[in-house]
Amino acid sequence: MKIIHRLAFRYDSKIKEAVTELGIPFKDGFICVCKIAENDIRWSQLNELINPNNEGTHIVYAEFTAKELGAANYLEIASKWHHGYPEPSDGNEYRELTYNLDEYCSKCGSGKRQKAPFRFKKSPVWGQKNILQLNWIFDEYFVKPEIWQAVFEPFGIGCRPVVLDKSGRELDSVVQLELTEQVELNDLDGAPFNTCDVCGRSKYLPLTGRFMPAPAITNAAMFRSNQYFGSGASAWRMVIVSQELFAKAQNANLKGVSYVPCLSRIREG
């Protein structure tokens, strides 16, 4: 595993000159972007150059070897492509149409339960990708129907229809994966969390730059965590797949997601 720092900062001639002298590849422009591993000896020098007041972003994530990915019994599946919004997106009207909100907490975002199909503004423009998440919805996945049939249906994973917002017409180019199981995650001791002062539910802050916690034993090939993750008014459950489903997805060239191995339950060899 390598810890990677991805930095995007507003154009600064001094930083640009220093990054060039360090020999770190970067994308030039009004916003400069560079990526570097934490174990690179140049990282400490670059870190000292970044002005906290310089507007930009600093994202930390982990990259895993093929051996690490292939050794894990379970892996978190994470979207690399958020496309479109749940509709109608104005004023969050999609919540009332899509979810049962009897147990929903507007303070922390937890407690909603799907009751109706998601509504898209239009049919997805897939390009080379074949799996997506909507913006704002981080524990649901949508795929091409043929991908559901080839990759997910053999594992007993169902699908739900997706409809157009204005007409309610069912789309034939996309389906929602139907995840029915929730499983407790272990190895969360010490992970930062907040407890909502309105509903009393706990929510872990997003976990990055590490192996993910191991789930309890389950026969499900794709499932959500019992625990919530997120910050502010956003709450979602981690989505996890088995090694067997991961291998099937890789063989089918599933594009639009990445994977993070889960801790603890690691295969030998």
C-alpha atoms as a PDB file:
ATOM      1  CA  MET A   1       0.000   0.000   0.000  1.00  0.00           C
ATOM      2  CA  LYS A   2       1.173   3.497  -0.829  1.00  0.00           C
ATOM      3  CA  ILE A   3      -0.238   6.699   0.647  1.00  0.00           C
ATOM      4  CA  ILE A   4      -0.734   9.233  -2.148  1.00  0.00           C
ATOM      5  CA  HIS A   5      -1.098  13.000  -1.804  1.00  0.00           C
ATOM      6  CA  ARG A   6      -2.930  14.793  -4.602  1.00  0.00           C
ATOM      7  CA  LEU A   7      -2.485  18.546  -4.448  1.00  0.00           C
ATOM      8  CA  ALA A   8      -4.375  21.128  -6.467  1.00  0.00           C
ATOM      9  CA  PHE A   9      -3.413  24.756  -5.834  1.00  0.00           C
ATOM     10  CA  ARG A  10      -3.869  28.148  -7.427  1.00  0.00           C
ATOM     11  CA  TYR A  11      -1.068  29.228  -9.732  1.00  0.00           C
ATOM     12  CA  ASP A  12       1.961  30.363  -7.758  1.00  0.00           C
ATOM     13  CA  SER A  13       5.227  30.989  -9.621  1.00  0.00           C
ATOM     14  CA  LYS A  14       7.377  30.178  -6.577  1.00  0.00           C
ATOM     15  CA  ILE A  15       5.630  26.862  -5.960  1.00  0.00           C
ATOM     16  CA  LYS A  16       5.759  26.056  -9.679  1.00  0.00           C
ATOM     17  CA  GLU A  17       9.494  26.746  -9.754  1.00  0.00           C
ATOM     18  CA  ALA A  18      10.111  24.675  -6.638  1.00  0.00           C
ATOM     19  CA  VAL A  19       8.026  21.739  -7.899  1.00  0.00           C
ATOM     20  CA  THR A  20       9.918  21.860 -11.196  1.00  0.00           C
ATOM     21  CA  GLU A  21      13.259  21.836  -9.377  1.00  0.00           C
ATOM     22  CA  LEU A  22      12.137  18.837  -7.322  1.00  0.00           C
ATOM     23  CA  GLY A  23      11.317  17.014 -10.544  1.00  0.00           C
ATOM     24  CA  ILE A  24       7.713  16.303  -9.546  1.00  0.00           C
ATOM     25  CA  PRO A  25       5.386  15.948 -12.562  1.00  0.00           C
ATOM     26  CA  PHE A  26       2.447  18.336 -12.468  1.00  0.00           C
ATOM     27  CA  LYS A  27      -0.358  19.668 -14.630  1.00  0.00           C
ATOM     28  CA  ASP A  28       0.173  23.355 -15.244  1.00  0.00           C
ATOM     29  CA  GLY A  29      -2.530  25.998 -15.464  1.00  0.00           C
ATOM     30  CA  PHE A  30      -4.521  28.433 -13.312  1.00  0.00           C
ATOM     31  CA  ILE A  31      -4.961  25.425 -11.025  1.00  0.00           C
ATOM     32  CA  CYS A  32      -1.794  23.335 -10.749  1.00  0.00           C
ATOM     33  CA  VAL A  33      -2.157  19.651  -9.915  1.00  0.00           C
ATOM     34  CA  CYS A  34       0.479  17.193  -8.773  1.00  0.00           C
ATOM     35  CA  LYS A  35       0.479  13.730  -7.226  1.00  0.00           C
ATOM     36  CA  ILE A  36       3.193  12.228  -5.036  1.00  0.00           C
ATOM     37  CA  ALA A  37       3.612   9.205  -2.758  1.00  0.00           C
ATOM     38  CA  GLU A  38       4.185   9.846   0.935  1.00  0.00           C
ATOM     39  CA  ASN A  39       7.277   7.613   0.947  1.00  0.00           C
ATOM     40  CA  ASP A  40       8.855   9.716  -1.830  1.00  0.00           C
ATOM     41  CA  ILE A  41      11.763  11.624  -0.278  1.00  0.00           C
ATOM     42  CA  ARG A  42      10.531  14.760  -2.063  1.00  0.00           C
ATOM     43  CA  TRP A  43       7.188  14.751  -0.239  1.00  0.00           C
ATOM     44  CA  SER A  44       8.511  16.403   2.936  1.00  0.00           C
ATOM     45  CA  GLN A  45      10.111  19.159   0.866  1.00  0.00           C
ATOM     46  CA  LEU A  46       6.941  19.738  -1.146  1.00  0.00           C
ATOM     47  CA  ASN A  47       4.807  19.718   1.999  1.00  0.00           C
ATOM     48  CA  GLU A  48       6.849  22.591   3.436  1.00  0.00           C
ATOM     49  CA  LEU A  49       6.245  24.669   0.311  1.00  0.00           C
ATOM     50  CA  ILE A  50       2.456  24.541   0.359  1.00  0.00           C
ATOM     51  CA  ASN A  51       1.003  27.689   1.857  1.00  0.00           C
ATOM     52  CA  PRO A  52      -2.066  26.886   3.971  1.00  0.00           C
ATOM     53  CA  ASN A  53      -3.607  30.130   2.724  1.00  0.00           C
ATOM     54  CA  ASN A  54      -3.209  29.164  -0.928  1.00  0.00           C
ATOM     55  CA  GLU A  55      -6.646  28.159  -2.155  1.00  0.00           C
ATOM     56  CA  GLY A  56      -6.738  24.565  -3.316  1.00  0.00           C
ATOM     57  CA  THR A  57      -7.328  20.998  -2.255  1.00  0.00           C
ATOM     58  CA  HIS A  58      -5.228  18.296  -0.644  1.00  0.00           C
ATOM     59  CA  ILE A  59      -6.599  14.770  -1.028  1.00  0.00           C
ATOM     60  CA  VAL A  60      -4.973  11.784   0.648  1.00  0.00           C
ATOM     61  CA  TYR A  61      -5.747   8.274  -0.547  1.00  0.00           C
ATOM     62  CA  ALA A  62      -4.164   4.828  -0.746  1.00  0.00           C
ATOM     63  CA  GLU A  63      -3.037   2.833  -3.753  1.00  0.00           C
ATOM     64  CA  PHE A  64      -2.939  -0.940  -3.375  1.00  0.00           C
ATOM     65  CA  THR A  65      -0.986  -3.619  -5.167  1.00  0.00           C
ATOM     66  CA  ALA A  66      -2.662  -6.341  -7.231  1.00  0.00           C
ATOM     67  CA  LYS A  67      -1.526  -8.834  -4.579  1.00  0.00           C
ATOM     68  CA  GLU A  68      -3.237  -6.861  -1.800  1.00  0.00           C
ATOM     69  CA  LEU A  69      -6.432  -6.564  -3.809  1.00  0.00           C
ATOM     70  CA  GLY A  70      -6.414 -10.251  -4.692  1.00  0.00           C
ATOM     71  CA  ALA A  71      -5.721 -11.391  -1.122  1.00  0.00           C
ATOM     72  CA  ALA A  72      -8.631  -9.675   0.618  1.00  0.00           C
ATOM     73  CA  ASN A  73     -11.810 -11.596   1.387  1.00  0.00           C
ATOM     74  CA  TYR A  74     -13.778  -8.347   1.082  1.00  0.00           C
ATOM     75  CA  LEU A  75     -13.183  -4.957  -0.517  1.00  0.00           C
ATOM     76  CA  GLU A  76     -14.904  -1.607  -0.315  1.00  0.00           C
ATOM     77  CA  ILE A  77     -16.157  -0.544  -3.730  1.00  0.00           C
ATOM     78  CA  ALA A  78     -15.777   3.209  -4.298  1.00  0.00           C
ATOM     79  CA  SER A  79     -17.125   5.255  -7.179  1.00  0.00           C
ATOM     80  CA  LYS A  80     -14.746   7.068  -9.511  1.00  0.00           C
ATOM     81  CA  TRP A  81     -17.614   8.549 -11.510  1.00  0.00           C
ATOM     82  CA  HIS A  82     -20.443  10.592 -10.020  1.00  0.00           C
ATOM     83  CA  HIS A  83     -22.784  11.418 -12.880  1.00  0.00           C
ATOM     84  CA  GLY A  84     -25.924  13.505 -12.593  1.00  0.00           C
ATOM     85  CA  TYR A  85     -28.183  14.099  -9.589  1.00  0.00           C
ATOM     86  CA  PRO A  86     -31.241  12.440  -8.100  1.00  0.00           C
ATOM     87  CA  GLU A  87     -34.227  14.304  -9.474  1.00  0.00           C
ATOM     88  CA  PRO A  88     -35.968  16.565  -8.873  1.00  0.00           C
ATOM     89  CA  SER A  89     -32.793  18.092  -7.464  1.00  0.00           C
ATOM     90  CA  ASP A  90     -34.151  21.589  -6.776  1.00  0.00           C
ATOM     91  CA  GLY A  91     -34.756  21.977  -3.070  1.00  0.00           C
ATOM     92  CA  ASN A  92     -33.953  18.310  -2.414  1.00  0.00           C
ATOM     93  CA  GLU A  93     -37.437  17.295  -3.557  1.00  0.00           C
ATOM     94  CA  TYR A  94     -36.019  13.921  -4.578  1.00  0.00           C
ATOM     95  CA  ARG A  95     -35.929  12.903  -0.916  1.00  0.00           C
ATOM     96  CA  GLU A  96     -39.703  12.967  -0.462  1.00  0.00           C
ATOM     97  CA  LEU A  97     -40.276  11.167  -3.775  1.00  0.00           C
ATOM     98  CA  THR A  98     -37.587   8.505  -3.399  1.00  0.00           C
ATOM     99  CA  TYR A  99     -37.351   7.804   0.337  1.00  0.00           C
ATOM    100  CA  ASN A 100     -39.493   6.977   3.329  1.00  0.00           C
ATOM    101  CA  LEU A 101     -38.452   9.721   5.754  1.00  0.00           C
ATOM    102  CA  ASP A 102     -40.213   8.497   8.896  1.00  0.00           C
ATOM    103  CA  GLU A 103     -36.849   7.897  10.608  1.00  0.00           C
ATOM    104  CA  TYR A 104     -34.851  10.480   8.668  1.00  0.00           C
ATOM    105  CA  CYS A 105     -32.765  13.046  10.568  1.00  0.00           C
ATOM    106  CA  SER A 106     -32.181  16.301   8.694  1.00  0.00           C
ATOM    107  CA  LYS A 107     -29.334  17.207  11.063  1.00  0.00           C
ATOM    108  CA  CYS A 108     -27.044  14.241  10.309  1.00  0.00           C
ATOM    109  CA  GLY A 109     -28.667  12.771   7.176  1.00  0.00           C
ATOM    110  CA  SER A 110     -29.243   9.253   8.521  1.00  0.00           C
ATOM    111  CA  GLY A 111     -32.401   7.130   8.620  1.00  0.00           C
ATOM    112  CA  LYS A 112     -33.900   7.435   5.134  1.00  0.00           C
ATOM    113  CA  ARG A 113     -35.176   4.248   3.421  1.00  0.00           C
ATOM    114  CA  GLN A 114     -35.836   3.945  -0.298  1.00  0.00           C
ATOM    115  CA  LYS A 115     -39.491   3.539  -1.255  1.00  0.00           C
ATOM    116  CA  ALA A 116     -39.554   4.377  -4.980  1.00  0.00           C
ATOM    117  CA  PRO A 117     -37.248   4.302  -8.046  1.00  0.00           C
ATOM    118  CA  PHE A 118     -34.599   6.965  -8.453  1.00  0.00           C
ATOM    119  CA  ARG A 119     -35.432   9.564 -11.054  1.00  0.00           C
ATOM    120  CA  PHE A 120     -32.832  10.677 -13.630  1.00  0.00           C
ATOM    121  CA  LYS A 121     -32.955  13.868 -15.663  1.00  0.00           C
ATOM    122  CA  LYS A 122     -31.991  11.869 -18.757  1.00  0.00           C
ATOM    123  CA  SER A 123     -30.495   8.557 -19.756  1.00  0.00           C
ATOM    124  CA  PRO A 124     -26.805   8.257 -18.746  1.00  0.00           C
ATOM    125  CA  VAL A 125     -24.155   8.950 -21.351  1.00  0.00           C
ATOM    126  CA  TRP A 126     -22.003   5.941 -20.501  1.00  0.00           C
ATOM    127  CA  GLY A 127     -19.025   6.389 -22.826  1.00  0.00           C
ATOM    128  CA  GLN A 128     -16.399   3.823 -21.789  1.00  0.00           C
ATOM    129  CA  LYS A 129     -17.855   3.453 -18.268  1.00  0.00           C
ATOM    130  CA  ASN A 130     -20.563   1.032 -17.167  1.00  0.00           C
ATOM    131  CA  ILE A 131     -21.190   1.727 -13.457  1.00  0.00           C
ATOM    132  CA  LEU A 132     -21.964   5.038 -11.749  1.00  0.00           C
ATOM    133  CA  GLN A 133     -23.119   6.795  -8.630  1.00  0.00           C
ATOM    134  CA  LEU A 134     -25.280   9.891  -8.507  1.00  0.00           C
ATOM    135  CA  ASN A 135     -23.959  12.979  -6.807  1.00  0.00           C
ATOM    136  CA  TRP A 136     -25.163  13.145  -3.162  1.00  0.00           C
ATOM    137  CA  ILE A 137     -26.005   9.402  -3.109  1.00  0.00           C
ATOM    138  CA  PHE A 138     -22.915   7.500  -1.966  1.00  0.00           C
ATOM    139  CA  ASP A 139     -24.281   4.046  -1.154  1.00  0.00           C
ATOM    140  CA  GLU A 140     -26.215   3.217  -4.330  1.00  0.00           C
ATOM    141  CA  TYR A 141     -24.835   1.996  -7.649  1.00  0.00           C
ATOM    142  CA  PHE A 142     -26.318   2.110 -11.145  1.00  0.00           C
ATOM    143  CA  VAL A 143     -25.179  -0.054 -14.050  1.00  0.00           C
ATOM    144  CA  LYS A 144     -26.002  -0.959 -17.609  1.00  0.00           C
ATOM    145  CA  PRO A 145     -28.625  -3.752 -17.642  1.00  0.00           C
ATOM    146  CA  GLU A 146     -26.256  -6.120 -19.449  1.00  0.00           C
ATOM    147  CA  ILE A 147     -23.619  -5.551 -16.747  1.00  0.00           C
ATOM    148  CA  TRP A 148     -26.155  -6.402 -14.059  1.00  0.00           C
ATOM    149  CA  GLN A 149     -27.019  -9.627 -15.878  1.00  0.00           C
ATOM    150  CA  ALA A 150     -23.408 -10.651 -16.535  1.00  0.00           C
ATOM    151  CA  VAL A 151     -21.721  -9.602 -13.286  1.00  0.00           C
ATOM    152  CA  PHE A 152     -24.205  -9.113 -10.451  1.00  0.00           C
ATOM    153  CA  GLU A 153     -27.252 -11.314 -11.109  1.00  0.00           C
ATOM    154  CA  PRO A 154     -25.223 -14.559 -10.831  1.00  0.00           C
ATOM    155  CA  PHE A 155     -24.468 -13.578  -7.200  1.00  0.00           C
ATOM    156  CA  GLY A 156     -28.157 -13.165  -6.378  1.00  0.00           C
ATOM    157  CA  ILE A 157     -28.048  -9.360  -6.524  1.00  0.00           C
ATOM    158  CA  GLY A 158     -31.313  -7.933  -7.797  1.00  0.00           C
ATOM    159  CA  CYS A 159     -32.015  -4.698  -9.610  1.00  0.00           C
ATOM    160  CA  ARG A 160     -34.558  -1.899  -9.452  1.00  0.00           C
ATOM    161  CA  PRO A 161     -35.829   0.240 -12.316  1.00  0.00           C
ATOM    162  CA  VAL A 162     -34.738   3.826 -12.885  1.00  0.00           C
ATOM    163  CA  VAL A 163     -37.222   6.344 -14.329  1.00  0.00           C
ATOM    164  CA  LEU A 164     -37.149   9.702 -16.063  1.00  0.00           C
ATOM    165  CA  ASP A 165     -38.014  12.607 -13.788  1.00  0.00           C
ATOM    166  CA  LYS A 166     -40.549  14.405 -15.967  1.00  0.00           C
ATOM    167  CA  SER A 167     -42.462  11.478 -17.435  1.00  0.00           C
ATOM    168  CA  GLY A 168     -41.837   8.647 -14.990  1.00  0.00           C
ATOM    169  CA  ARG A 169     -40.969   6.438 -17.960  1.00  0.00           C
ATOM    170  CA  GLU A 170     -38.730   3.501 -17.083  1.00  0.00           C
ATOM    171  CA  LEU A 171     -35.285   3.722 -18.665  1.00  0.00           C
ATOM    172  CA  ASP A 172     -33.952   0.713 -20.533  1.00  0.00           C
ATOM    173  CA  SER A 173     -30.306   1.855 -20.404  1.00  0.00           C
ATOM    174  CA  VAL A 174     -29.718   1.746 -16.638  1.00  0.00           C
ATOM    175  CA  VAL A 175     -30.790  -0.159 -13.528  1.00  0.00           C
ATOM    176  CA  GLN A 176     -30.080   0.291  -9.832  1.00  0.00           C
ATOM    177  CA  LEU A 177     -28.320  -2.528  -7.976  1.00  0.00           C
ATOM    178  CA  GLU A 178     -30.593  -3.771  -5.198  1.00  0.00           C
ATOM    179  CA  LEU A 179     -28.601  -4.266  -1.997  1.00  0.00           C
ATOM    180  CA  THR A 180     -30.639  -5.865   0.760  1.00  0.00           C
ATOM    181  CA  GLU A 181     -28.024  -6.891   3.350  1.00  0.00           C
ATOM    182  CA  GLN A 182     -26.403  -4.767   6.058  1.00  0.00           C
ATOM    183  CA  VAL A 183     -23.395  -6.154   7.933  1.00  0.00           C
ATOM    184  CA  GLU A 184     -21.555  -4.953  11.029  1.00  0.00           C
ATOM    185  CA  LEU A 185     -17.996  -3.741  10.486  1.00  0.00           C
ATOM    186  CA  ASN A 186     -15.222  -4.665  12.939  1.00  0.00           C
ATOM    187  CA  ASP A 187     -11.856  -2.968  13.552  1.00  0.00           C
ATOM    188  CA  LEU A 188     -13.334   0.503  13.993  1.00  0.00           C
ATOM    189  CA  ASP A 189     -11.826   1.110  17.437  1.00  0.00           C
ATOM    190  CA  GLY A 190     -10.242   4.546  17.456  1.00  0.00           C
ATOM    191  CA  ALA A 191     -11.914   5.675  14.225  1.00  0.00           C
ATOM    192  CA  PRO A 192     -13.305   9.201  14.698  1.00  0.00           C
ATOM    193  CA  PHE A 193     -17.074   9.523  14.860  1.00  0.00           C
ATOM    194  CA  ASN A 194     -19.772  11.997  15.854  1.00  0.00           C
ATOM    195  CA  THR A 195     -23.028  11.361  17.667  1.00  0.00           C
ATOM    196  CA  CYS A 196     -25.979  13.416  16.459  1.00  0.00           C
ATOM    197  CA  ASP A 197     -27.507  15.573  19.194  1.00  0.00           C
ATOM    198  CA  VAL A 198     -30.926  15.303  17.508  1.00  0.00           C
ATOM    199  CA  CYS A 199     -31.424  11.602  16.695  1.00  0.00           C
ATOM    200  CA  GLY A 200     -28.634  10.088  18.810  1.00  0.00           C
ATOM    201  CA  ARG A 201     -27.179   8.048  15.927  1.00  0.00           C
ATOM    202  CA  SER A 202     -23.417   7.795  15.507  1.00  0.00           C
ATOM    203  CA  LYS A 203     -21.663   8.452  12.219  1.00  0.00           C
ATOM    204  CA  TYR A 204     -18.004   7.768  11.412  1.00  0.00           C
ATOM    205  CA  LEU A 205     -15.967  10.290   9.494  1.00  0.00           C
ATOM    206  CA  PRO A 206     -14.939   9.026   6.030  1.00  0.00           C
ATOM    207  CA  LEU A 207     -11.976   6.648   6.170  1.00  0.00           C
ATOM    208  CA  THR A 208      -9.136   7.336   3.722  1.00  0.00           C
ATOM    209  CA  GLY A 209      -5.531   6.311   3.244  1.00  0.00           C
ATOM    210  CA  ARG A 210      -5.883   2.898   4.909  1.00  0.00           C
ATOM    211  CA  PHE A 211      -7.270  -0.622   4.649  1.00  0.00           C
ATOM    212  CA  MET A 212     -10.991  -0.667   5.371  1.00  0.00           C
ATOM    213  CA  PRO A 213     -12.501  -2.400   8.434  1.00  0.00           C
ATOM    214  CA  ALA A 214     -13.424  -6.074   8.096  1.00  0.00           C
ATOM    215  CA  PRO A 215     -17.101  -7.045   7.958  1.00  0.00           C
ATOM    216  CA  ALA A 216     -18.642  -9.749  10.094  1.00  0.00           C
ATOM    217  CA  ILE A 217     -19.107 -13.134   8.422  1.00  0.00           C
ATOM    218  CA  THR A 218     -21.790 -13.054   5.735  1.00  0.00           C
ATOM    219  CA  ASN A 219     -22.873 -15.002   2.675  1.00  0.00           C
ATOM    220  CA  ALA A 220     -23.755 -11.816   0.800  1.00  0.00           C
ATOM    221  CA  ALA A 221     -21.553 -10.956  -2.176  1.00  0.00           C
ATOM    222  CA  MET A 222     -22.381  -7.223  -2.036  1.00  0.00           C
ATOM    223  CA  PHE A 223     -23.767  -5.408   0.970  1.00  0.00           C
ATOM    224  CA  ARG A 224     -23.793  -2.218   3.006  1.00  0.00           C
ATOM    225  CA  SER A 225     -22.303  -1.609   6.433  1.00  0.00           C
ATOM    226  CA  ASN A 226     -24.530  -1.271   9.468  1.00  0.00           C
ATOM    227  CA  GLN A 227     -22.527   1.806  10.403  1.00  0.00           C
ATOM    228  CA  TYR A 228     -23.030   5.215   8.848  1.00  0.00           C
ATOM    229  CA  PHE A 229     -20.199   7.333   7.438  1.00  0.00           C
ATOM    230  CA  GLY A 230     -20.075  10.980   6.412  1.00  0.00           C
ATOM    231  CA  SER A 231     -19.942  14.507   7.751  1.00  0.00           C
ATOM    232  CA  GLY A 232     -22.381  17.360   8.220  1.00  0.00           C
ATOM    233  CA  ALA A 233     -25.829  16.464   6.884  1.00  0.00           C
ATOM    234  CA  SER A 234     -24.475  13.724   4.606  1.00  0.00           C
ATOM    235  CA  ALA A 235     -24.688  10.092   5.741  1.00  0.00           C
ATOM    236  CA  TRP A 236     -24.113   6.868   3.847  1.00  0.00           C
ATOM    237  CA  ARG A 237     -23.271   3.240   4.469  1.00  0.00           C
ATOM    238  CA  MET A 238     -20.055   1.710   3.132  1.00  0.00           C
ATOM    239  CA  VAL A 239     -20.622  -0.682   0.212  1.00  0.00           C
ATOM    240  CA  ILE A 240     -18.517  -3.849   0.231  1.00  0.00           C
ATOM    241  CA  VAL A 241     -18.068  -6.728  -2.226  1.00  0.00           C
ATOM    242  CA  SER A 242     -16.665 -10.228  -1.830  1.00  0.00           C
ATOM    243  CA  GLN A 243     -13.406 -11.286  -3.437  1.00  0.00           C
ATOM    244  CA  GLU A 244     -15.376 -13.490  -5.834  1.00  0.00           C
ATOM    245  CA  LEU A 245     -17.533 -10.598  -7.045  1.00  0.00           C
ATOM    246  CA  PHE A 246     -14.452  -8.361  -7.296  1.00  0.00           C
ATOM    247  CA  ALA A 247     -12.753 -10.942  -9.538  1.00  0.00           C
ATOM    248  CA  LYS A 248     -15.881 -11.255 -11.688  1.00  0.00           C
ATOM    249  CA  ALA A 249     -16.076  -7.463 -12.053  1.00  0.00           C
ATOM    250  CA  GLN A 250     -12.416  -7.252 -13.004  1.00  0.00           C
ATOM    251  CA  ASN A 251     -12.808  -9.958 -15.640  1.00  0.00           C
ATOM    252  CA  ALA A 252     -15.836  -8.126 -17.035  1.00  0.00           C
ATOM    253  CA  ASN A 253     -13.814  -4.885 -17.230  1.00  0.00           C
ATOM    254  CA  LEU A 254     -16.156  -2.977 -14.927  1.00  0.00           C
ATOM    255  CA  LYS A 255     -15.260   0.709 -15.327  1.00  0.00           C
ATOM    256  CA  GLY A 256     -16.201   3.571 -13.023  1.00  0.00           C
ATOM    257  CA  VAL A 257     -15.130   2.252  -9.613  1.00  0.00           C
ATOM    258  CA  SER A 258     -12.048   1.502  -7.541  1.00  0.00           C
ATOM    259  CA  TYR A 259     -11.521  -0.900  -4.633  1.00  0.00           C
ATOM    260  CA  VAL A 260      -9.989  -0.791  -1.169  1.00  0.00           C
ATOM    261  CA  PRO A 261      -9.142  -4.098   0.585  1.00  0.00           C
ATOM    262  CA  CYS A 262     -10.699  -4.744   3.970  1.00  0.00           C
ATOM    263  CA  LEU A 263      -8.537  -5.423   6.999  1.00  0.00           C
ATOM    264  CA  SER A 264      -8.157  -8.477   9.146  1.00  0.00           C
ATOM    265  CA  ARG A 265      -9.745 -11.173   7.023  1.00  0.00           C
ATOM    266  CA  ILE A 266      -6.826 -11.527   4.621  1.00  0.00           C
ATOM    267  CA  ARG A 267      -6.240 -14.717   2.664  1.00  0.00           C
ATOM    268  CA  GLU A 268      -2.918 -16.484   3.107  1.00  0.00           C
ATOM    269  CA  GLY A 269      -0.467 -16.721   0.232  1.00  0.00           C
END
